[in-house]
């Protein structure tokens, strides 16, 4: 697996890698909109070069899980970043109708890169959930569901630590970049330079996968709600089912009948609306108003009857008083003090 033999067999591999890397850097630092034609052409060109480079690497079997990172030649280390570059450029594609497909494809590229780094022990990190380990991770997360607050605090602490490490890695990369690109760096510096690149892309891949998972969840929920609304509207637009009969023979039904006088021609609601339009039934609003008026009239009659009874009592008492005065003249009961 010497580097010189590989380059003699496939002289285009280094050029494809460097060109795709340059295109990715131009796309990331540009101020133009990502959806512009110029940027999308660079994205498509970079993805095409990286796909060809990945096919060549697969044919060469340049990397094996049976070997350590130290066994890989320093000049070949950079090709480990091909899946990471593929994931980054795939995320730059702009097509709303294929957004979910692009997200899933980019996630596969990032997972592929992280898996390679995990096998070569480039850095210590936890692989995100995949189809193979999702069941194990779900079981483990359910067993510690009671410690949500502790988990959130630990995640926050891990993100702060990752941010500090990212800044440190970028500072060290900027110091080694000029020496490595000019060819003045020795083998140890070249390996250290690419190892720093691996750690930087590990952090980027983990962040991108977390963002991808959140966006995929939102897109799937949006599609589900759209399908539910579409199915609901189709049910509402469906015409009403007409009544039908099950007979062995249509002619037999015409001759002998269907067993009852006639089929229903309308529903109860249709009949009620028809009778209401004809005036055969009272309007619900009028009936409510009539009942209210009836209560008020009844209350008024009751009050009048009570007032009438009170008036009769007053008249009766006045008559009794007049009769008493007729039989008892003035001063009738006060004769003791008279001379």
C-alpha atoms as a PDB file:
ATOM      1  CA  UNK A   1       0.000   0.000   0.000  1.00  0.00           C
ATOM      2  CA  UNK A   2       2.779   2.426  -0.797  1.00  0.00           C
ATOM      3  CA  UNK A   3       1.696   5.920  -1.738  1.00  0.00           C
ATOM      4  CA  UNK A   4       3.941   6.096  -4.818  1.00  0.00           C
ATOM      5  CA  UNK A   5       2.417   2.913  -6.295  1.00  0.00           C
ATOM      6  CA  UNK A   6      -1.108   4.181  -5.742  1.00  0.00           C
ATOM      7  CA  UNK A   7      -0.393   7.489  -7.463  1.00  0.00           C
ATOM      8  CA  UNK A   8       1.270   5.741 -10.412  1.00  0.00           C
ATOM      9  CA  UNK A   9      -1.766   3.522 -10.858  1.00  0.00           C
ATOM     10  CA  UNK A  10      -4.294   6.328 -10.351  1.00  0.00           C
ATOM     11  CA  UNK A  11      -2.689   9.716 -10.971  1.00  0.00           C
ATOM     12  CA  UNK A  12      -6.063  11.493 -10.872  1.00  0.00           C
ATOM     13  CA  UNK A  13      -6.913  10.669  -7.247  1.00  0.00           C
ATOM     14  CA  UNK A  14      -4.875  13.465  -5.559  1.00  0.00           C
ATOM     15  CA  UNK A  15      -6.101  16.030  -8.084  1.00  0.00           C
ATOM     16  CA  UNK A  16      -9.747  15.015  -7.556  1.00  0.00           C
ATOM     17  CA  UNK A  17      -9.367  15.257  -3.788  1.00  0.00           C
ATOM     18  CA  UNK A  18      -7.660  18.649  -3.828  1.00  0.00           C
ATOM     19  CA  UNK A  19     -10.138  20.084  -6.351  1.00  0.00           C
ATOM     20  CA  UNK A  20     -13.166  18.917  -4.359  1.00  0.00           C
ATOM     21  CA  UNK A  21     -11.605  20.253  -1.154  1.00  0.00           C
ATOM     22  CA  UNK A  22     -11.051  23.646  -2.793  1.00  0.00           C
ATOM     23  CA  UNK A  23     -14.637  23.705  -4.085  1.00  0.00           C
ATOM     24  CA  UNK A  24     -15.954  22.937  -0.603  1.00  0.00           C
ATOM     25  CA  UNK A  25     -13.915  25.754   0.906  1.00  0.00           C
ATOM     26  CA  UNK A  26     -15.175  28.194  -1.737  1.00  0.00           C
ATOM     27  CA  UNK A  27     -18.780  27.218  -1.075  1.00  0.00           C
ATOM     28  CA  UNK A  28     -18.381  27.630   2.691  1.00  0.00           C
ATOM     29  CA  UNK A  29     -16.703  31.062   2.645  1.00  0.00           C
ATOM     30  CA  UNK A  30     -18.680  32.663  -0.186  1.00  0.00           C
ATOM     31  CA  UNK A  31     -21.163  35.463   0.407  1.00  0.00           C
ATOM     32  CA  UNK A  32     -23.402  34.402  -2.474  1.00  0.00           C
ATOM     33  CA  UNK A  33     -26.729  32.674  -1.770  1.00  0.00           C
ATOM     34  CA  UNK A  34     -26.434  28.905  -1.547  1.00  0.00           C
ATOM     35  CA  UNK A  35     -29.206  28.501  -4.091  1.00  0.00           C
ATOM     36  CA  UNK A  36     -27.438  30.551  -6.759  1.00  0.00           C
ATOM     37  CA  UNK A  37     -26.470  28.848 -10.001  1.00  0.00           C
ATOM     38  CA  UNK A  38     -22.724  29.389  -9.480  1.00  0.00           C
ATOM     39  CA  UNK A  39     -22.707  27.805  -6.021  1.00  0.00           C
ATOM     40  CA  UNK A  40     -24.856  24.857  -7.085  1.00  0.00           C
ATOM     41  CA  UNK A  41     -22.551  24.133 -10.023  1.00  0.00           C
ATOM     42  CA  UNK A  42     -19.603  23.992  -7.632  1.00  0.00           C
ATOM     43  CA  UNK A  43     -21.565  21.704  -5.319  1.00  0.00           C
ATOM     44  CA  UNK A  44     -22.483  19.290  -8.104  1.00  0.00           C
ATOM     45  CA  UNK A  45     -18.936  19.285  -9.480  1.00  0.00           C
ATOM     46  CA  UNK A  46     -17.449  18.615  -6.038  1.00  0.00           C
ATOM     47  CA  UNK A  47     -19.892  15.777  -5.351  1.00  0.00           C
ATOM     48  CA  UNK A  48     -19.097  14.201  -8.723  1.00  0.00           C
ATOM     49  CA  UNK A  49     -15.337  14.302  -8.027  1.00  0.00           C
ATOM     50  CA  UNK A  50     -15.780  12.908  -4.513  1.00  0.00           C
ATOM     51  CA  UNK A  51     -17.993  10.090  -5.786  1.00  0.00           C
ATOM     52  CA  UNK A  52     -15.341   9.086  -8.289  1.00  0.00           C
ATOM     53  CA  UNK A  53     -12.655   9.323  -5.608  1.00  0.00           C
ATOM     54  CA  UNK A  54     -14.720   7.109  -3.287  1.00  0.00           C
ATOM     55  CA  UNK A  55     -15.084   4.500  -6.034  1.00  0.00           C
ATOM     56  CA  UNK A  56     -11.326   4.500  -6.606  1.00  0.00           C
ATOM     57  CA  UNK A  57     -10.624   4.144  -2.885  1.00  0.00           C
ATOM     58  CA  UNK A  58     -13.085   1.264  -2.686  1.00  0.00           C
ATOM     59  CA  UNK A  59     -11.389  -0.503  -5.610  1.00  0.00           C
ATOM     60  CA  UNK A  60      -7.936  -0.001  -4.117  1.00  0.00           C
ATOM     61  CA  UNK A  61      -9.080  -1.120  -0.672  1.00  0.00           C
ATOM     62  CA  UNK A  62      -6.758   1.537   0.698  1.00  0.00           C
ATOM     63  CA  UNK A  63      -8.155   1.431   4.228  1.00  0.00           C
ATOM     64  CA  UNK A  64      -8.753  -1.734   6.216  1.00  0.00           C
ATOM     65  CA  UNK A  65     -10.229  -2.270   9.649  1.00  0.00           C
ATOM     66  CA  UNK A  66      -7.558  -4.849  10.338  1.00  0.00           C
ATOM     67  CA  UNK A  67      -4.774  -2.235  10.426  1.00  0.00           C
ATOM     68  CA  UNK A  68      -3.980   0.640  12.760  1.00  0.00           C
ATOM     69  CA  UNK A  69      -3.795   4.309  11.909  1.00  0.00           C
ATOM     70  CA  UNK A  70       0.012   4.210  12.193  1.00  0.00           C
ATOM     71  CA  UNK A  71       0.174   1.685   9.350  1.00  0.00           C
ATOM     72  CA  UNK A  72      -1.428   4.094   6.869  1.00  0.00           C
ATOM     73  CA  UNK A  73       1.012   6.222   4.910  1.00  0.00           C
ATOM     74  CA  UNK A  74       0.989   9.899   5.829  1.00  0.00           C
ATOM     75  CA  UNK A  75       0.187  10.979   2.274  1.00  0.00           C
ATOM     76  CA  UNK A  76      -2.869   8.702   2.214  1.00  0.00           C
ATOM     77  CA  UNK A  77      -4.383   9.882   5.481  1.00  0.00           C
ATOM     78  CA  UNK A  78      -6.221  12.751   3.848  1.00  0.00           C
ATOM     79  CA  UNK A  79      -8.461  10.383   1.884  1.00  0.00           C
ATOM     80  CA  UNK A  80     -10.192   9.394   5.114  1.00  0.00           C
ATOM     81  CA  UNK A  81     -11.998  12.748   4.912  1.00  0.00           C
ATOM     82  CA  UNK A  82     -13.746  11.951   1.616  1.00  0.00           C
ATOM     83  CA  UNK A  83     -17.052  10.878   3.283  1.00  0.00           C
ATOM     84  CA  UNK A  84     -17.032  14.015   5.443  1.00  0.00           C
ATOM     85  CA  UNK A  85     -16.590  16.209   2.356  1.00  0.00           C
ATOM     86  CA  UNK A  86     -19.429  14.332   0.651  1.00  0.00           C
ATOM     87  CA  UNK A  87     -21.751  14.967   3.594  1.00  0.00           C
ATOM     88  CA  UNK A  88     -20.859  18.674   3.750  1.00  0.00           C
ATOM     89  CA  UNK A  89     -21.457  19.232   0.024  1.00  0.00           C
ATOM     90  CA  UNK A  90     -24.676  17.202   0.081  1.00  0.00           C
ATOM     91  CA  UNK A  91     -26.012  19.549   2.762  1.00  0.00           C
ATOM     92  CA  UNK A  92     -25.389  22.462   0.368  1.00  0.00           C
ATOM     93  CA  UNK A  93     -27.785  21.112  -2.251  1.00  0.00           C
ATOM     94  CA  UNK A  94     -30.924  23.210  -2.654  1.00  0.00           C
ATOM     95  CA  UNK A  95     -34.042  21.354  -3.799  1.00  0.00           C
ATOM     96  CA  UNK A  96     -37.090  21.527  -1.494  1.00  0.00           C
ATOM     97  CA  UNK A  97     -38.768  18.523  -3.129  1.00  0.00           C
ATOM     98  CA  UNK A  98     -35.693  16.329  -2.442  1.00  0.00           C
ATOM     99  CA  UNK A  99     -34.662  17.851   0.883  1.00  0.00           C
ATOM    100  CA  UNK A 100     -35.458  14.740   2.922  1.00  0.00           C
ATOM    101  CA  UNK A 101     -33.453  12.555   0.521  1.00  0.00           C
ATOM    102  CA  UNK A 102     -30.484  14.932   0.712  1.00  0.00           C
ATOM    103  CA  UNK A 103     -30.585  14.935   4.510  1.00  0.00           C
ATOM    104  CA  UNK A 104     -30.625  11.152   4.716  1.00  0.00           C
ATOM    105  CA  UNK A 105     -27.785  10.847   2.202  1.00  0.00           C
ATOM    106  CA  UNK A 106     -25.662  13.431   4.035  1.00  0.00           C
ATOM    107  CA  UNK A 107     -26.277  11.611   7.320  1.00  0.00           C
ATOM    108  CA  UNK A 108     -25.025   8.367   5.793  1.00  0.00           C
ATOM    109  CA  UNK A 109     -21.816  10.088   4.638  1.00  0.00           C
ATOM    110  CA  UNK A 110     -21.174  11.601   8.081  1.00  0.00           C
ATOM    111  CA  UNK A 111     -21.877   8.264   9.784  1.00  0.00           C
ATOM    112  CA  UNK A 112     -19.448   6.564   7.384  1.00  0.00           C
ATOM    113  CA  UNK A 113     -16.735   9.068   8.256  1.00  0.00           C
ATOM    114  CA  UNK A 114     -17.338   8.789  12.005  1.00  0.00           C
ATOM    115  CA  UNK A 115     -17.315   4.992  11.787  1.00  0.00           C
ATOM    116  CA  UNK A 116     -13.912   5.026  10.097  1.00  0.00           C
ATOM    117  CA  UNK A 117     -12.514   7.406  12.703  1.00  0.00           C
ATOM    118  CA  UNK A 118     -13.976   5.223  15.451  1.00  0.00           C
ATOM    119  CA  UNK A 119     -12.296   2.081  14.087  1.00  0.00           C
ATOM    120  CA  UNK A 120      -8.938   3.865  13.808  1.00  0.00           C
ATOM    121  CA  UNK A 121      -9.286   5.409  17.301  1.00  0.00           C
ATOM    122  CA  UNK A 122      -8.715   8.915  16.001  1.00  0.00           C
ATOM    123  CA  UNK A 123     -10.556  10.443  18.991  1.00  0.00           C
ATOM    124  CA  UNK A 124     -12.912   9.446  21.779  1.00  0.00           C
ATOM    125  CA  UNK A 125     -16.551  10.091  20.922  1.00  0.00           C
ATOM    126  CA  UNK A 126     -19.884   8.281  20.861  1.00  0.00           C
ATOM    127  CA  UNK A 127     -21.313   7.217  17.542  1.00  0.00           C
ATOM    128  CA  UNK A 128     -24.810   8.597  16.831  1.00  0.00           C
ATOM    129  CA  UNK A 129     -27.793   6.284  16.502  1.00  0.00           C
ATOM    130  CA  UNK A 130     -27.956   4.131  13.392  1.00  0.00           C
ATOM    131  CA  UNK A 131     -30.233   1.323  12.230  1.00  0.00           C
ATOM    132  CA  UNK A 132     -27.940  -1.178  13.894  1.00  0.00           C
ATOM    133  CA  UNK A 133     -27.506   0.402  17.300  1.00  0.00           C
ATOM    134  CA  UNK A 134     -30.748   2.373  17.635  1.00  0.00           C
ATOM    135  CA  UNK A 135     -32.467  -0.393  19.664  1.00  0.00           C
ATOM    136  CA  UNK A 136     -29.600  -0.572  22.138  1.00  0.00           C
ATOM    137  CA  UNK A 137     -29.498   3.184  22.515  1.00  0.00           C
ATOM    138  CA  UNK A 138     -33.270   3.380  23.012  1.00  0.00           C
ATOM    139  CA  UNK A 139     -33.111   0.751  25.763  1.00  0.00           C
ATOM    140  CA  UNK A 140     -30.292   2.560  27.481  1.00  0.00           C
ATOM    141  CA  UNK A 141     -32.021   5.936  27.240  1.00  0.00           C
ATOM    142  CA  UNK A 142     -35.273   4.560  28.663  1.00  0.00           C
ATOM    143  CA  UNK A 143     -33.420   3.164  31.676  1.00  0.00           C
ATOM    144  CA  UNK A 144     -32.050   6.610  32.560  1.00  0.00           C
ATOM    145  CA  UNK A 145     -35.095   8.667  31.569  1.00  0.00           C
ATOM    146  CA  UNK A 146     -35.459   9.878  35.167  1.00  0.00           C
ATOM    147  CA  UNK A 147     -32.151  11.789  34.897  1.00  0.00           C
ATOM    148  CA  UNK A 148     -33.189  14.231  32.170  1.00  0.00           C
ATOM    149  CA  UNK A 149     -31.905  17.309  33.949  1.00  0.00           C
ATOM    150  CA  UNK A 150     -28.530  15.701  34.571  1.00  0.00           C
ATOM    151  CA  UNK A 151     -28.355  14.638  30.921  1.00  0.00           C
ATOM    152  CA  UNK A 152     -29.129  18.159  29.707  1.00  0.00           C
ATOM    153  CA  UNK A 153     -26.466  19.624  31.976  1.00  0.00           C
ATOM    154  CA  UNK A 154     -23.895  17.091  30.810  1.00  0.00           C
ATOM    155  CA  UNK A 155     -24.758  17.786  27.148  1.00  0.00           C
ATOM    156  CA  UNK A 156     -24.319  21.496  27.705  1.00  0.00           C
ATOM    157  CA  UNK A 157     -20.964  20.908  29.353  1.00  0.00           C
ATOM    158  CA  UNK A 158     -19.899  18.626  26.502  1.00  0.00           C
ATOM    159  CA  UNK A 159     -20.863  21.247  23.909  1.00  0.00           C
ATOM    160  CA  UNK A 160     -18.835  23.907  25.696  1.00  0.00           C
ATOM    161  CA  UNK A 161     -15.844  21.576  25.834  1.00  0.00           C
ATOM    162  CA  UNK A 162     -16.269  20.689  22.158  1.00  0.00           C
ATOM    163  CA  UNK A 163     -16.366  24.369  21.236  1.00  0.00           C
ATOM    164  CA  UNK A 164     -13.115  25.021  23.116  1.00  0.00           C
ATOM    165  CA  UNK A 165     -11.432  22.058  21.451  1.00  0.00           C
ATOM    166  CA  UNK A 166     -12.674  23.226  18.042  1.00  0.00           C
ATOM    167  CA  UNK A 167     -11.106  26.654  18.521  1.00  0.00           C
ATOM    168  CA  UNK A 168      -7.839  25.096  19.678  1.00  0.00           C
ATOM    169  CA  UNK A 169      -7.753  22.732  16.686  1.00  0.00           C
ATOM    170  CA  UNK A 170      -8.409  25.559  14.231  1.00  0.00           C
ATOM    171  CA  UNK A 171      -5.592  27.602  15.773  1.00  0.00           C
ATOM    172  CA  UNK A 172      -3.138  24.703  15.471  1.00  0.00           C
ATOM    173  CA  UNK A 173      -4.245  23.987  11.908  1.00  0.00           C
ATOM    174  CA  UNK A 174      -3.624  27.567  10.843  1.00  0.00           C
ATOM    175  CA  UNK A 175      -0.094  27.299  12.277  1.00  0.00           C
ATOM    176  CA  UNK A 176       0.704  24.074  10.360  1.00  0.00           C
ATOM    177  CA  UNK A 177      -1.147  24.806   7.119  1.00  0.00           C
ATOM    178  CA  UNK A 178       1.519  26.859   5.394  1.00  0.00           C
ATOM    179  CA  UNK A 179       4.297  24.398   6.217  1.00  0.00           C
ATOM    180  CA  UNK A 180       2.350  21.334   5.033  1.00  0.00           C
ATOM    181  CA  UNK A 181       1.025  22.895   1.809  1.00  0.00           C
ATOM    182  CA  UNK A 182       4.470  24.223   0.897  1.00  0.00           C
ATOM    183  CA  UNK A 183       6.062  20.797   1.430  1.00  0.00           C
ATOM    184  CA  UNK A 184       8.440  21.975   4.150  1.00  0.00           C
ATOM    185  CA  UNK A 185       6.836  19.890   6.931  1.00  0.00           C
ATOM    186  CA  UNK A 186       8.302  16.549   7.928  1.00  0.00           C
ATOM    187  CA  UNK A 187       6.354  13.286   8.153  1.00  0.00           C
ATOM    188  CA  UNK A 188       5.426  13.756  11.795  1.00  0.00           C
ATOM    189  CA  UNK A 189       4.054  17.248  11.179  1.00  0.00           C
ATOM    190  CA  UNK A 190       2.044  16.007   8.191  1.00  0.00           C
ATOM    191  CA  UNK A 191       0.456  13.253  10.261  1.00  0.00           C
ATOM    192  CA  UNK A 192      -0.281  15.678  13.076  1.00  0.00           C
ATOM    193  CA  UNK A 193      -1.820  18.108  10.576  1.00  0.00           C
ATOM    194  CA  UNK A 194      -4.215  15.498   9.188  1.00  0.00           C
ATOM    195  CA  UNK A 195      -5.071  14.194  12.660  1.00  0.00           C
ATOM    196  CA  UNK A 196      -6.141  17.703  13.596  1.00  0.00           C
ATOM    197  CA  UNK A 197      -8.289  17.787  10.456  1.00  0.00           C
ATOM    198  CA  UNK A 198      -9.876  14.471  11.491  1.00  0.00           C
ATOM    199  CA  UNK A 199     -10.786  15.833  14.930  1.00  0.00           C
ATOM    200  CA  UNK A 200     -12.190  19.015  13.419  1.00  0.00           C
ATOM    201  CA  UNK A 201     -14.426  17.072  11.034  1.00  0.00           C
ATOM    202  CA  UNK A 202     -15.504  14.734  13.819  1.00  0.00           C
ATOM    203  CA  UNK A 203     -16.957  17.720  15.664  1.00  0.00           C
ATOM    204  CA  UNK A 204     -18.548  19.071  12.477  1.00  0.00           C
ATOM    205  CA  UNK A 205     -20.071  15.676  11.648  1.00  0.00           C
ATOM    206  CA  UNK A 206     -21.587  15.268  15.118  1.00  0.00           C
ATOM    207  CA  UNK A 207     -23.121  18.741  14.965  1.00  0.00           C
ATOM    208  CA  UNK A 208     -24.471  18.185  11.452  1.00  0.00           C
ATOM    209  CA  UNK A 209     -26.024  14.839  12.381  1.00  0.00           C
ATOM    210  CA  UNK A 210     -27.817  16.408  15.337  1.00  0.00           C
ATOM    211  CA  UNK A 211     -29.144  19.171  13.093  1.00  0.00           C
ATOM    212  CA  UNK A 212     -30.132  16.653  10.395  1.00  0.00           C
ATOM    213  CA  UNK A 213     -32.103  14.523  12.865  1.00  0.00           C
ATOM    214  CA  UNK A 214     -34.069  17.554  14.032  1.00  0.00           C
ATOM    215  CA  UNK A 215     -34.842  18.680  10.471  1.00  0.00           C
ATOM    216  CA  UNK A 216     -35.870  15.166   9.397  1.00  0.00           C
ATOM    217  CA  UNK A 217     -38.293  14.992  12.325  1.00  0.00           C
ATOM    218  CA  UNK A 218     -39.836  18.333  11.354  1.00  0.00           C
ATOM    219  CA  UNK A 219     -40.180  17.343   7.682  1.00  0.00           C
ATOM    220  CA  UNK A 220     -41.810  14.006   8.535  1.00  0.00           C
ATOM    221  CA  UNK A 221     -44.297  15.642  10.896  1.00  0.00           C
ATOM    222  CA  UNK A 222     -45.097  18.196   8.208  1.00  0.00           C
ATOM    223  CA  UNK A 223     -45.694  15.468   5.622  1.00  0.00           C
ATOM    224  CA  UNK A 224     -47.866  13.528   8.084  1.00  0.00           C
ATOM    225  CA  UNK A 225     -50.042  16.556   8.839  1.00  0.00           C
ATOM    226  CA  UNK A 226     -50.376  17.286   5.107  1.00  0.00           C
ATOM    227  CA  UNK A 227     -51.451  13.704   4.379  1.00  0.00           C
ATOM    228  CA  UNK A 228     -53.939  13.795   7.256  1.00  0.00           C
ATOM    229  CA  UNK A 229     -55.504  17.039   6.005  1.00  0.00           C
ATOM    230  CA  UNK A 230     -55.664  15.680   2.454  1.00  0.00           C
ATOM    231  CA  UNK A 231     -57.394  12.481   3.540  1.00  0.00           C
ATOM    232  CA  UNK A 232     -59.840  14.470   5.695  1.00  0.00           C
ATOM    233  CA  UNK A 233     -60.732  16.771   2.799  1.00  0.00           C
ATOM    234  CA  UNK A 234     -61.206  13.794   0.475  1.00  0.00           C
ATOM    235  CA  UNK A 235     -63.645  12.271   2.963  1.00  0.00           C
ATOM    236  CA  UNK A 236     -65.582  15.532   3.134  1.00  0.00           C
ATOM    237  CA  UNK A 237     -65.741  15.866  -0.669  1.00  0.00           C
ATOM    238  CA  UNK A 238     -67.024  12.307  -1.114  1.00  0.00           C
ATOM    239  CA  UNK A 239     -70.639  12.308  -2.428  1.00  0.00           C
ATOM    240  CA  UNK A 240     -73.346  10.807  -0.184  1.00  0.00           C
ATOM    241  CA  UNK A 241     -73.982   7.111  -0.566  1.00  0.00           C
ATOM    242  CA  UNK A 242     -77.251   6.342  -2.281  1.00  0.00           C
ATOM    243  CA  UNK A 243     -79.575   3.676  -0.960  1.00  0.00           C
ATOM    244  CA  UNK A 244     -79.384   0.346  -2.732  1.00  0.00           C
ATOM    245  CA  UNK A 245     -80.892  -3.114  -2.432  1.00  0.00           C
ATOM    246  CA  UNK A 246     -79.381  -6.553  -2.638  1.00  0.00           C
ATOM    247  CA  UNK A 247     -81.445  -8.858  -4.842  1.00  0.00           C
ATOM    248  CA  UNK A 248     -80.639 -11.979  -6.759  1.00  0.00           C
ATOM    249  CA  UNK A 249     -82.287 -10.738  -9.882  1.00  0.00           C
ATOM    250  CA  UNK A 250     -83.249  -7.214 -10.905  1.00  0.00           C
ATOM    251  CA  UNK A 251     -86.304  -8.482 -12.784  1.00  0.00           C
ATOM    252  CA  UNK A 252     -87.451 -10.363  -9.693  1.00  0.00           C
ATOM    253  CA  UNK A 253     -87.216  -7.163  -7.681  1.00  0.00           C
ATOM    254  CA  UNK A 254     -89.299  -5.312 -10.248  1.00  0.00           C
ATOM    255  CA  UNK A 255     -92.016  -7.962 -10.213  1.00  0.00           C
ATOM    256  CA  UNK A 256     -92.204  -8.972  -6.551  1.00  0.00           C
ATOM    257  CA  UNK A 257     -90.842  -5.805  -4.986  1.00  0.00           C
ATOM    258  CA  UNK A 258     -88.086  -5.435  -2.470  1.00  0.00           C
ATOM    259  CA  UNK A 259     -90.044  -6.576   0.576  1.00  0.00           C
ATOM    260  CA  UNK A 260     -91.148  -3.119   1.805  1.00  0.00           C
ATOM    261  CA  UNK A 261     -93.175  -0.269   0.290  1.00  0.00           C
ATOM    262  CA  UNK A 262     -90.418   1.998  -0.985  1.00  0.00           C
ATOM    263  CA  UNK A 263     -86.843   3.059  -0.481  1.00  0.00           C
ATOM    264  CA  UNK A 264     -86.109   6.261   1.454  1.00  0.00           C
ATOM    265  CA  UNK A 265     -85.742   9.251  -0.844  1.00  0.00           C
ATOM    266  CA  UNK A 266     -84.251  11.677   1.706  1.00  0.00           C
ATOM    267  CA  UNK A 267     -82.778  11.832   5.156  1.00  0.00           C
ATOM    268  CA  UNK A 268     -84.497  13.156   8.270  1.00  0.00           C
ATOM    269  CA  UNK A 269     -82.445  16.340   8.101  1.00  0.00           C
ATOM    270  CA  UNK A 270     -83.455  16.918   4.442  1.00  0.00           C
ATOM    271  CA  UNK A 271     -87.123  16.377   5.318  1.00  0.00           C
ATOM    272  CA  UNK A 272     -86.936  18.800   8.236  1.00  0.00           C
ATOM    273  CA  UNK A 273     -85.321  21.491   6.062  1.00  0.00           C
ATOM    274  CA  UNK A 274     -87.973  20.984   3.371  1.00  0.00           C
ATOM    275  CA  UNK A 275     -90.821  21.281   5.891  1.00  0.00           C
ATOM    276  CA  UNK A 276     -89.177  24.323   7.443  1.00  0.00           C
ATOM    277  CA  UNK A 277     -88.985  26.071   4.070  1.00  0.00           C
ATOM    278  CA  UNK A 278     -92.647  25.317   3.399  1.00  0.00           C
ATOM    279  CA  UNK A 279     -93.612  26.804   6.790  1.00  0.00           C
ATOM    280  CA  UNK A 280     -95.081  23.597   8.089  1.00  0.00           C
ATOM    281  CA  UNK A 281     -92.746  23.617  11.089  1.00  0.00           C
ATOM    282  CA  UNK A 282     -91.993  26.529  13.402  1.00  0.00           C
ATOM    283  CA  UNK A 283     -88.601  28.132  13.240  1.00  0.00           C
ATOM    284  CA  UNK A 284     -86.397  27.179  16.222  1.00  0.00           C
ATOM    285  CA  UNK A 285     -85.682  30.827  16.946  1.00  0.00           C
ATOM    286  CA  UNK A 286     -89.373  31.739  16.932  1.00  0.00           C
ATOM    287  CA  UNK A 287     -90.255  28.841  19.196  1.00  0.00           C
ATOM    288  CA  UNK A 288     -87.669  29.961  21.694  1.00  0.00           C
ATOM    289  CA  UNK A 289     -88.949  33.513  21.588  1.00  0.00           C
ATOM    290  CA  UNK A 290     -92.578  32.282  22.035  1.00  0.00           C
ATOM    291  CA  UNK A 291     -91.683  30.263  25.087  1.00  0.00           C
ATOM    292  CA  UNK A 292     -89.970  33.290  26.599  1.00  0.00           C
ATOM    293  CA  UNK A 293     -92.985  35.489  25.891  1.00  0.00           C
ATOM    294  CA  UNK A 294     -95.287  32.868  27.390  1.00  0.00           C
ATOM    295  CA  UNK A 295     -93.304  32.885  30.615  1.00  0.00           C
ATOM    296  CA  UNK A 296     -93.409  36.686  30.818  1.00  0.00           C
ATOM    297  CA  UNK A 297     -97.165  36.754  30.184  1.00  0.00           C
ATOM    298  CA  UNK A 298     -97.794  34.093  32.816  1.00  0.00           C
ATOM    299  CA  UNK A 299     -95.715  36.039  35.328  1.00  0.00           C
ATOM    300  CA  UNK A 300     -97.633  39.218  34.524  1.00  0.00           C
ATOM    301  CA  UNK A 301    -100.988  37.485  35.008  1.00  0.00           C
ATOM    302  CA  UNK A 302     -99.856  36.068  38.312  1.00  0.00           C
ATOM    303  CA  UNK A 303     -98.776  39.543  39.488  1.00  0.00           C
ATOM    304  CA  UNK A 304    -102.130  40.996  38.456  1.00  0.00           C
ATOM    305  CA  UNK A 305    -104.000  38.290  40.370  1.00  0.00           C
ATOM    306  CA  UNK A 306    -101.916  39.000  43.460  1.00  0.00           C
ATOM    307  CA  UNK A 307    -102.602  42.722  43.173  1.00  0.00           C
ATOM    308  CA  UNK A 308    -106.305  41.994  42.737  1.00  0.00           C
ATOM    309  CA  UNK A 309    -106.374  39.876  45.892  1.00  0.00           C
ATOM    310  CA  UNK A 310    -104.602  42.636  47.804  1.00  0.00           C
ATOM    311  CA  UNK A 311    -107.152  45.203  46.574  1.00  0.00           C
ATOM    312  CA  UNK A 312    -110.072  42.995  47.686  1.00  0.00           C
ATOM    313  CA  UNK A 313    -108.581  42.683  51.167  1.00  0.00           C
ATOM    314  CA  UNK A 314    -108.159  46.467  51.439  1.00  0.00           C
ATOM    315  CA  UNK A 315    -111.766  47.094  50.346  1.00  0.00           C
ATOM    316  CA  UNK A 316    -113.086  44.493  52.777  1.00  0.00           C
ATOM    317  CA  UNK A 317    -111.195  46.028  55.694  1.00  0.00           C
ATOM    318  CA  UNK A 318    -112.450  49.527  54.745  1.00  0.00           C
ATOM    319  CA  UNK A 319    -116.082  48.328  54.716  1.00  0.00           C
ATOM    320  CA  UNK A 320    -115.702  46.653  58.111  1.00  0.00           C
ATOM    321  CA  UNK A 321    -114.292  49.877  59.516  1.00  0.00           C
ATOM    322  CA  UNK A 322    -117.223  51.905  58.199  1.00  0.00           C
ATOM    323  CA  UNK A 323    -119.692  49.452  59.691  1.00  0.00           C
ATOM    324  CA  UNK A 324    -117.971  49.641  63.058  1.00  0.00           C
ATOM    325  CA  UNK A 325    -118.076  53.449  63.039  1.00  0.00           C
ATOM    326  CA  UNK A 326    -121.811  53.329  62.318  1.00  0.00           C
ATOM    327  CA  UNK A 327    -122.525  51.258  65.443  1.00  0.00           C
ATOM    328  CA  UNK A 328    -119.927  53.031  67.618  1.00  0.00           C
ATOM    329  CA  UNK A 329    -120.296  56.856  67.595  1.00  0.00           C
ATOM    330  CA  UNK A 330    -117.382  59.161  68.373  1.00  0.00           C
ATOM    331  CA  UNK A 331    -116.432  59.142  72.075  1.00  0.00           C
ATOM    332  CA  UNK A 332    -118.346  55.936  72.751  1.00  0.00           C
ATOM    333  CA  UNK A 333    -115.644  54.284  74.756  1.00  0.00           C
ATOM    334  CA  UNK A 334    -114.355  57.330  76.754  1.00  0.00           C
ATOM    335  CA  UNK A 335    -117.176  58.309  79.193  1.00  0.00           C
ATOM    336  CA  UNK A 336    -115.417  57.988  82.583  1.00  0.00           C
ATOM    337  CA  UNK A 337    -113.898  61.515  82.551  1.00  0.00           C
ATOM    338  CA  UNK A 338    -117.187  63.247  81.602  1.00  0.00           C
ATOM    339  CA  UNK A 339    -118.860  65.506  84.302  1.00  0.00           C
END
